[in-house]
Amino acid sequence: MENVLNTYESAIGYLRSYYETYSKGDLNFGLSLCKRISRECIKIAGEEKLIGIDFGNALLACCFRYAGVTNIMLTKDIGIKLLNDFTQQVNYPEEQVEYIRELINRHSRREIPNGKIERIVWDALGYRLALEDFFKHLHYLHDEMNRIHENSYDELSILLKIRDKFSGEYYYTDYAKKNYSARLIKNKNKVNKRIQHLTENLPDTKNSGTMMTDRETEDLFKIAFRNYVKLVDVADSKAALLIQVNSILISVVIAFVISRIEKYPMLIVPSFLILAVAFITILLSILASRPQRNSYIHDRSSKSYQTFFFGSFDLVGSEFRDADFDSYSLELANLLKSGRENVFNEIFKEVFNVRKVLSRKFTFLSYAYIVFIGGLAASIIAFFIATNYY
């Protein structure tokens, strides 16, 4: 027992030296928390009559489980590294060190304890949620997380993470059930009440279940623009196909029909008809595939004028060649500094303009197909009539 406590005092001295050297305000995951958890481990181990090397292993696991942890998002941080360094200094048996590492890893994975040692360690570590000054440590945690992550956590986000820690927390030893359970429930209820209070004061909480997050909105626009690009490609491919087919058709008609027009004068009307159909189809296909012009290039007073466009490759006109880079970059800088609403407004304009382009493309393309199919049918009928009634 005395040797175990001596090892524990050495571990506390080691951690004190570590925090004095490297700590920059780690008030929550600091030496105080390690010592308080370790003291509870000693109490529980005494009640459970845990002695010898098993007691030493449990105590070191409690000492180093949260040592050096600086990120609530991580299940473990550098505690095992500190454990390895300390045990090498005091020549702690390697097979026991491996066992302690496994204890820490199993607890970090929130596995169910197996055996007396694990039940003692789990309950001692669970004491952190039953602290009498639990909300004082939450304040420390809030400050610590924002120091490390440059003010990226508000109170609500911290409380939501802590609430997850309460989920499934259970005490296994009689001592912990008697001394920790009531405070655990009390702290959990306080956390839930605080979360409810903060949530109720959020704007538009009634619609929070249907509102999209920034990530979901971003994914929606990505999918939309990906589909727009594919649709533009489909429209251009179909237009190119119509141009090729009708160009070949014109060449064939000129080569094989016009040269024989004197011998077969009845083919004048059908040939003229099919040439007219092919020409109109090519014209409509060219109109569908040509680069579009839009108001954002020409009219700055237009509602759809865009300072910055994200994918309107088909909108670029000759006017943009003369654009001044300094003016353009200044407008972009002002846009990006103007806030999320203005940036989203530019995206809405982009969606509007691209859909306008797609509408024009597919309108011309549909007319081209109608003319081609209708004209081809009319030409065939004309050829049939000419050859049978001449």
Protein backbone atom coordinates (compact mmCIF):
# COMPACT_ATOMS: atom_id res chain seq x y z
CA MET A 1 0.00 0.00 0.00
CA GLU A 2 2.80 2.40 0.93
CA ASN A 3 4.65 1.69 -2.31
CA VAL A 4 1.49 2.36 -4.31
CA LEU A 5 0.92 5.70 -2.60
CA ASN A 6 4.56 6.64 -3.13
CA THR A 7 4.16 5.91 -6.85
CA TYR A 8 1.00 8.01 -6.84
CA GLU A 9 2.79 10.94 -5.19
CA SER A 10 5.54 10.63 -7.79
CA ALA A 11 2.91 10.68 -10.55
CA ILE A 12 1.31 13.81 -9.11
CA GLY A 13 4.74 15.43 -8.88
CA TYR A 14 5.41 14.50 -12.51
CA LEU A 15 2.10 15.98 -13.66
CA ARG A 16 2.66 19.12 -11.58
CA SER A 17 5.99 19.62 -13.36
CA TYR A 18 4.30 19.00 -16.73
CA TYR A 19 1.52 21.54 -16.14
CA GLU A 20 3.92 24.15 -14.77
CA THR A 21 6.02 23.76 -17.92
CA TYR A 22 3.41 23.39 -20.65
CA SER A 23 0.02 24.50 -19.35
CA LYS A 24 -1.45 27.71 -20.72
CA GLY A 25 -4.57 27.90 -18.64
CA ASP A 26 -5.83 24.31 -18.76
CA LEU A 27 -8.06 24.85 -15.73
CA ASN A 28 -10.55 22.10 -16.49
CA PHE A 29 -8.27 19.31 -17.70
CA GLY A 30 -5.59 20.33 -15.25
CA LEU A 31 -3.75 18.98 -12.24
CA SER A 32 -6.68 19.70 -9.92
CA LEU A 33 -9.02 17.38 -11.84
CA CYS A 34 -6.40 14.61 -11.97
CA LYS A 35 -5.86 14.84 -8.20
CA ARG A 36 -9.57 14.88 -7.38
CA ILE A 37 -10.29 11.84 -9.54
CA SER A 38 -7.30 10.02 -8.04
CA ARG A 39 -8.45 10.74 -4.48
CA GLU A 40 -11.86 9.31 -5.31
CA CYS A 41 -10.14 6.24 -6.74
CA ILE A 42 -8.33 5.77 -3.41
CA LYS A 43 -11.64 6.01 -1.52
CA ILE A 44 -13.45 3.55 -3.80
CA ALA A 45 -10.50 1.14 -3.81
CA GLY A 46 -10.50 1.21 -0.01
CA GLU A 47 -14.18 0.34 0.12
CA GLU A 48 -13.71 -2.42 -2.44
CA LYS A 49 -10.56 -3.66 -0.65
CA LEU A 50 -8.39 -3.38 -3.75
CA ILE A 51 -4.70 -3.69 -2.85
CA GLY A 52 -1.27 -4.33 -4.28
CA ILE A 53 -0.37 -3.92 -7.94
CA ASP A 54 -4.06 -3.88 -8.93
CA PHE A 55 -4.59 -0.82 -6.75
CA GLY A 56 -1.52 0.82 -8.28
CA ASN A 57 -2.73 0.15 -11.82
CA ALA A 58 -6.18 1.57 -11.08
CA LEU A 59 -4.69 4.67 -9.46
CA LEU A 60 -2.32 5.39 -12.37
CA ALA A 61 -5.15 4.88 -14.88
CA CYS A 62 -7.21 7.49 -13.02
CA CYS A 63 -4.20 9.80 -12.75
CA PHE A 64 -3.38 9.84 -16.46
CA ARG A 65 -6.78 9.28 -18.13
CA TYR A 66 -7.47 13.01 -18.50
CA ALA A 67 -3.92 14.28 -18.08
CA GLY A 68 -3.05 16.73 -20.84
CA VAL A 69 -6.45 16.48 -22.54
CA THR A 70 -7.10 19.75 -24.36
CA ASN A 71 -9.93 18.92 -26.74
CA ILE A 72 -13.42 17.84 -25.75
CA MET A 73 -13.86 16.38 -29.23
CA LEU A 74 -11.12 13.81 -28.55
CA THR A 75 -11.64 10.70 -26.45
CA LYS A 76 -8.03 10.76 -25.35
CA ASP A 77 -5.14 13.07 -26.05
CA ILE A 78 -1.60 12.85 -24.65
CA GLY A 79 -2.42 11.11 -21.36
CA ILE A 80 -0.95 7.79 -22.57
CA LYS A 81 2.21 9.54 -23.75
CA LEU A 82 2.60 11.08 -20.30
CA LEU A 83 1.91 7.69 -18.72
CA ASN A 84 4.60 6.03 -20.83
CA ASP A 85 7.15 8.71 -19.97
CA PHE A 86 6.41 8.57 -16.24
CA THR A 87 6.45 4.76 -15.96
CA GLN A 88 9.80 4.66 -17.75
CA GLN A 89 11.21 7.13 -15.24
CA VAL A 90 10.07 5.06 -12.22
CA ASN A 91 10.76 1.66 -13.87
CA TYR A 92 7.15 0.54 -13.59
CA PRO A 93 6.70 -3.04 -14.94
CA GLU A 94 6.03 -2.93 -18.67
CA GLU A 95 3.33 -5.60 -18.57
CA GLN A 96 1.46 -3.51 -16.00
CA VAL A 97 1.89 -0.37 -18.11
CA GLU A 98 0.32 -2.22 -21.03
CA TYR A 99 -2.61 -3.16 -18.82
CA ILE A 100 -3.06 0.47 -17.70
CA ARG A 101 -3.02 1.62 -21.34
CA GLU A 102 -5.73 -0.92 -22.11
CA LEU A 103 -7.79 0.37 -19.18
CA ILE A 104 -7.57 3.92 -20.53
CA ASN A 105 -8.40 2.83 -24.08
CA ARG A 106 -11.40 0.76 -22.96
CA HIS A 107 -12.74 3.67 -20.93
CA SER A 108 -12.26 6.09 -23.82
CA ARG A 109 -14.33 3.73 -25.98
CA ARG A 110 -17.01 3.78 -23.26
CA GLU A 111 -17.00 0.01 -22.91
CA ILE A 112 -18.76 -1.76 -20.05
CA PRO A 113 -16.32 -2.46 -17.19
CA ASN A 114 -15.17 -6.03 -16.74
CA GLY A 115 -14.08 -6.97 -13.23
CA LYS A 116 -13.46 -5.12 -9.98
CA ILE A 117 -10.53 -2.99 -11.18
CA GLU A 118 -12.42 -1.60 -14.14
CA ARG A 119 -15.52 -0.91 -12.05
CA ILE A 120 -13.41 1.10 -9.61
CA VAL A 121 -11.64 3.02 -12.41
CA TRP A 122 -14.89 3.71 -14.29
CA ASP A 123 -16.61 5.04 -11.16
CA ALA A 124 -13.65 7.20 -10.15
CA LEU A 125 -13.48 8.72 -13.63
CA GLY A 126 -17.26 9.17 -13.62
CA TYR A 127 -16.86 11.37 -10.55
CA ARG A 128 -16.04 14.27 -12.91
CA LEU A 129 -19.76 14.47 -13.76
CA ALA A 130 -20.77 14.46 -10.09
CA LEU A 131 -18.49 17.27 -8.93
CA GLU A 132 -19.96 19.59 -6.34
CA ASP A 133 -18.61 22.54 -8.32
CA PHE A 134 -19.49 21.00 -11.68
CA PHE A 135 -20.64 24.26 -13.29
CA LYS A 136 -17.48 26.00 -12.16
CA HIS A 137 -15.56 23.42 -14.16
CA LEU A 138 -17.92 23.97 -17.10
CA HIS A 139 -16.91 27.62 -17.01
CA TYR A 140 -13.26 26.57 -17.00
CA LEU A 141 -13.94 24.21 -19.90
CA HIS A 142 -15.65 26.94 -21.91
CA ASP A 143 -12.71 29.30 -21.46
CA GLU A 144 -10.22 26.54 -22.18
CA MET A 145 -11.89 25.40 -25.40
CA ASN A 146 -12.17 28.95 -26.71
CA ARG A 147 -8.54 29.66 -25.89
CA ILE A 148 -7.42 26.59 -27.79
CA HIS A 149 -9.86 26.92 -30.69
CA GLU A 150 -9.96 30.72 -31.00
CA ASN A 151 -13.48 31.37 -29.67
CA SER A 152 -15.20 28.73 -31.81
CA TYR A 153 -17.39 27.35 -29.00
CA ASP A 154 -20.39 29.08 -27.44
CA GLU A 155 -21.99 28.00 -24.17
CA LEU A 156 -24.70 25.97 -25.89
CA SER A 157 -22.26 23.90 -27.96
CA ILE A 158 -20.23 23.08 -24.83
CA LEU A 159 -23.37 22.05 -22.93
CA LEU A 160 -24.54 19.83 -25.78
CA LYS A 161 -21.19 18.02 -25.74
CA ILE A 162 -21.38 17.61 -21.98
CA ARG A 163 -24.94 16.28 -22.22
CA ASP A 164 -23.65 13.51 -24.45
CA LYS A 165 -21.20 12.57 -21.70
CA PHE A 166 -24.08 12.07 -19.26
CA SER A 167 -25.75 9.68 -21.68
CA GLY A 168 -25.26 6.10 -20.50
CA GLU A 169 -23.21 7.13 -17.45
CA TYR A 170 -23.71 4.58 -14.70
CA TYR A 171 -22.01 3.79 -11.39
CA TYR A 172 -21.05 0.23 -10.54
CA THR A 173 -19.64 0.20 -7.00
CA ASP A 174 -21.72 0.66 -3.86
CA TYR A 175 -19.60 3.62 -2.77
CA ALA A 176 -20.13 5.47 -6.07
CA LYS A 177 -23.85 4.72 -6.17
CA LYS A 178 -24.24 6.07 -2.65
CA ASN A 179 -22.08 9.18 -3.00
CA TYR A 180 -22.23 10.17 -6.69
CA SER A 181 -25.61 9.17 -8.14
CA ALA A 182 -27.67 11.98 -6.62
CA ARG A 183 -25.18 14.68 -7.67
CA LEU A 184 -24.90 13.15 -11.14
CA ILE A 185 -28.67 13.41 -11.63
CA LYS A 186 -28.68 16.93 -10.19
CA ASN A 187 -25.90 18.10 -12.53
CA LYS A 188 -27.56 16.41 -15.51
CA ASN A 189 -30.86 18.15 -14.78
CA LYS A 190 -29.11 21.51 -14.46
CA VAL A 191 -27.39 20.99 -17.80
CA ASN A 192 -30.69 20.08 -19.50
CA LYS A 193 -32.46 23.09 -18.00
CA ARG A 194 -29.66 25.40 -19.12
CA ILE A 195 -29.77 23.93 -22.64
CA GLN A 196 -33.54 24.39 -22.73
CA HIS A 197 -33.20 28.00 -21.59
CA LEU A 198 -30.54 28.80 -24.19
CA THR A 199 -32.50 27.02 -26.93
CA GLU A 200 -35.72 28.86 -26.14
CA ASN A 201 -33.92 32.18 -26.50
CA LEU A 202 -32.54 31.32 -29.92
CA PRO A 203 -34.24 33.10 -32.86
CA ASP A 204 -36.77 31.07 -34.86
CA THR A 205 -36.53 28.05 -32.57
CA LYS A 206 -39.99 26.91 -33.72
CA ASN A 207 -38.62 26.39 -37.20
CA SER A 208 -35.25 25.01 -36.12
CA GLY A 209 -36.31 21.47 -36.98
CA THR A 210 -36.98 22.44 -40.60
CA MET A 211 -34.17 24.94 -41.10
CA MET A 212 -31.14 23.78 -43.04
CA THR A 213 -27.65 24.05 -41.63
CA ASP A 214 -24.90 25.89 -43.53
CA ARG A 215 -23.40 22.55 -44.57
CA GLU A 216 -26.75 21.29 -45.88
CA THR A 217 -27.27 24.53 -47.80
CA GLU A 218 -23.78 24.24 -49.28
CA ASP A 219 -24.44 20.64 -50.33
CA LEU A 220 -27.74 21.68 -51.92
CA PHE A 221 -26.04 24.33 -54.06
CA LYS A 222 -23.25 21.91 -55.00
CA ILE A 223 -25.78 19.36 -56.23
CA ALA A 224 -27.76 22.03 -58.08
CA PHE A 225 -24.72 23.47 -59.88
CA ARG A 226 -23.44 19.98 -60.71
CA ASN A 227 -26.80 19.23 -62.34
CA TYR A 228 -26.78 22.57 -64.16
CA VAL A 229 -23.35 21.84 -65.64
CA LYS A 230 -24.54 18.41 -66.78
CA LEU A 231 -27.68 19.91 -68.33
CA VAL A 232 -25.64 22.52 -70.21
CA ASP A 233 -23.39 19.74 -71.48
CA VAL A 234 -26.41 17.66 -72.55
CA ALA A 235 -27.95 20.62 -74.38
CA ASP A 236 -24.71 21.43 -76.20
CA SER A 237 -24.18 17.76 -77.13
CA LYS A 238 -27.68 17.44 -78.56
CA ALA A 239 -27.27 20.70 -80.48
CA ALA A 240 -23.94 19.49 -81.90
CA LEU A 241 -25.56 16.21 -82.96
CA LEU A 242 -28.35 18.03 -84.80
CA ILE A 243 -25.83 20.30 -86.53
CA GLN A 244 -23.77 17.31 -87.71
CA VAL A 245 -26.76 15.29 -88.93
CA ASN A 246 -28.30 18.18 -90.84
CA SER A 247 -24.97 19.27 -92.32
CA ILE A 248 -24.55 15.76 -93.71
CA LEU A 249 -28.16 15.85 -94.93
CA ILE A 250 -27.58 19.12 -96.79
CA SER A 251 -24.41 17.74 -98.39
CA VAL A 252 -26.19 14.59 -99.53
CA VAL A 253 -29.16 16.49 -100.97
CA ILE A 254 -26.94 18.92 -102.87
CA ALA A 255 -24.65 16.16 -104.18
CA PHE A 256 -27.23 13.59 -105.26
CA VAL A 257 -30.45 15.49 -105.91
CA ILE A 258 -29.61 18.96 -107.20
CA SER A 259 -27.24 17.52 -109.83
CA ARG A 260 -30.12 15.40 -111.16
CA ILE A 261 -32.82 18.05 -110.93
CA GLU A 262 -33.17 18.42 -114.71
CA LYS A 263 -33.81 14.70 -115.09
CA TYR A 264 -36.20 14.57 -112.12
CA PRO A 265 -37.90 17.99 -111.92
CA MET A 266 -40.55 16.62 -109.57
CA LEU A 267 -37.90 16.57 -106.82
CA ILE A 268 -37.53 20.36 -106.73
CA VAL A 269 -40.18 20.95 -104.06
CA PRO A 270 -39.18 18.03 -101.77
CA SER A 271 -35.48 18.92 -102.10
CA PHE A 272 -36.11 22.58 -101.33
CA LEU A 273 -38.25 21.55 -98.36
CA ILE A 274 -35.63 19.26 -96.85
CA LEU A 275 -32.87 21.85 -97.36
CA ALA A 276 -35.00 24.50 -95.63
CA VAL A 277 -35.72 22.14 -92.72
CA ALA A 278 -32.04 21.27 -92.34
CA PHE A 279 -31.01 24.95 -92.46
CA ILE A 280 -33.60 26.02 -89.86
CA THR A 281 -32.63 23.08 -87.61
CA ILE A 282 -28.95 24.03 -87.81
CA LEU A 283 -29.79 27.68 -87.09
CA LEU A 284 -31.83 26.77 -83.99
CA SER A 285 -29.10 24.38 -82.81
CA ILE A 286 -26.48 27.09 -83.15
CA LEU A 287 -28.68 29.48 -81.16
CA ALA A 288 -29.01 26.79 -78.47
CA SER A 289 -25.27 26.13 -78.20
CA ARG A 290 -23.86 29.64 -78.58
CA PRO A 291 -22.56 31.54 -75.50
CA GLN A 292 -25.41 33.44 -73.88
CA ARG A 293 -25.59 37.11 -73.00
CA ASN A 294 -27.15 38.16 -69.72
CA SER A 295 -28.04 41.30 -67.81
CA TYR A 296 -25.26 40.95 -65.26
CA ILE A 297 -22.72 41.73 -67.99
CA HIS A 298 -24.52 44.75 -69.38
CA ASP A 299 -26.79 46.34 -66.81
CA ARG A 300 -25.44 46.98 -63.31
CA SER A 301 -28.85 48.27 -62.22
CA SER A 302 -30.48 44.93 -63.02
CA LYS A 303 -31.58 42.78 -60.09
CA SER A 304 -29.77 39.83 -61.65
CA TYR A 305 -26.48 41.71 -62.10
CA GLN A 306 -23.71 39.60 -60.54
CA THR A 307 -20.53 40.94 -58.98
CA PHE A 308 -19.19 37.43 -58.70
CA PHE A 309 -20.43 34.35 -60.52
CA PHE A 310 -19.64 30.75 -59.59
CA GLY A 311 -20.27 28.76 -62.73
CA SER A 312 -21.72 30.88 -65.51
CA PHE A 313 -19.07 29.87 -68.02
CA ASP A 314 -21.74 30.07 -70.68
CA LEU A 315 -22.60 33.69 -69.85
CA VAL A 316 -19.24 35.33 -70.44
CA GLY A 317 -19.35 37.97 -73.17
CA SER A 318 -16.75 40.04 -74.98
CA GLU A 319 -17.27 42.93 -72.55
CA PHE A 320 -15.48 41.02 -69.81
CA ARG A 321 -12.20 41.12 -71.76
CA ASP A 322 -11.93 44.83 -70.98
CA ALA A 323 -12.71 44.42 -67.27
CA ASP A 324 -10.29 46.12 -64.90
CA PHE A 325 -8.75 43.67 -62.41
CA ASP A 326 -8.40 46.20 -59.61
CA SER A 327 -12.06 47.18 -59.82
CA TYR A 328 -13.15 43.58 -60.10
CA SER A 329 -11.04 42.42 -57.14
CA LEU A 330 -12.26 45.38 -55.08
CA GLU A 331 -15.89 44.42 -55.76
CA LEU A 332 -15.17 40.83 -54.79
CA ALA A 333 -13.42 41.91 -51.59
CA ASN A 334 -16.34 44.14 -50.66
CA LEU A 335 -18.76 41.30 -51.36
CA LEU A 336 -16.92 38.79 -49.19
CA LYS A 337 -16.72 41.33 -46.37
CA SER A 338 -20.40 42.25 -46.62
CA GLY A 339 -21.69 39.19 -44.78
CA ARG A 340 -23.39 35.90 -45.46
CA GLU A 341 -26.68 37.36 -46.68
CA ASN A 342 -25.03 39.23 -49.55
CA VAL A 343 -22.94 36.18 -50.50
CA PHE A 344 -26.07 34.00 -50.54
CA ASN A 345 -27.82 36.68 -52.58
CA GLU A 346 -25.06 36.39 -55.20
CA ILE A 347 -25.56 32.63 -55.25
CA PHE A 348 -29.30 33.13 -55.75
CA LYS A 349 -28.54 35.42 -58.71
CA GLU A 350 -26.22 32.78 -60.09
CA VAL A 351 -28.91 30.11 -59.83
CA PHE A 352 -31.39 32.46 -61.50
CA ASN A 353 -29.06 33.38 -64.38
CA VAL A 354 -27.90 29.82 -65.03
CA ARG A 355 -31.49 28.57 -65.08
CA LYS A 356 -32.35 31.38 -67.52
CA VAL A 357 -29.53 30.17 -69.76
CA LEU A 358 -30.74 26.58 -69.52
CA SER A 359 -34.28 27.69 -70.31
CA ARG A 360 -33.13 29.47 -73.49
CA LYS A 361 -30.93 26.56 -74.54
CA PHE A 362 -33.63 23.94 -74.16
CA THR A 363 -36.26 26.20 -75.74
CA PHE A 364 -34.18 26.57 -78.92
CA LEU A 365 -33.29 22.87 -78.76
CA SER A 366 -36.93 21.79 -78.47
CA TYR A 367 -37.84 24.01 -81.45
CA ALA A 368 -34.95 22.48 -83.41
CA TYR A 369 -36.20 18.94 -82.74
CA ILE A 370 -39.77 19.90 -83.62
CA VAL A 371 -38.66 21.47 -86.91
CA PHE A 372 -36.35 18.55 -87.70
CA ILE A 373 -38.87 15.80 -86.98
CA GLY A 374 -41.83 17.65 -88.51
CA GLY A 375 -39.84 18.83 -91.52
CA LEU A 376 -38.35 15.39 -92.10
CA ALA A 377 -41.82 13.84 -92.06
CA ALA A 378 -43.14 16.53 -94.42
CA SER A 379 -40.19 16.03 -96.79
CA ILE A 380 -40.74 12.27 -96.92
CA ILE A 381 -44.42 12.80 -97.70
CA ALA A 382 -43.49 15.36 -100.37
CA PHE A 383 -41.02 12.92 -101.98
CA PHE A 384 -43.69 10.20 -101.88
CA ILE A 385 -46.29 12.44 -103.54
CA ALA A 386 -43.83 13.74 -106.13
CA THR A 387 -42.67 10.29 -107.22
CA ASN A 388 -46.16 8.80 -107.38
CA TYR A 389 -48.16 11.61 -109.00
CA TYR A 390 -45.69 13.25 -111.38
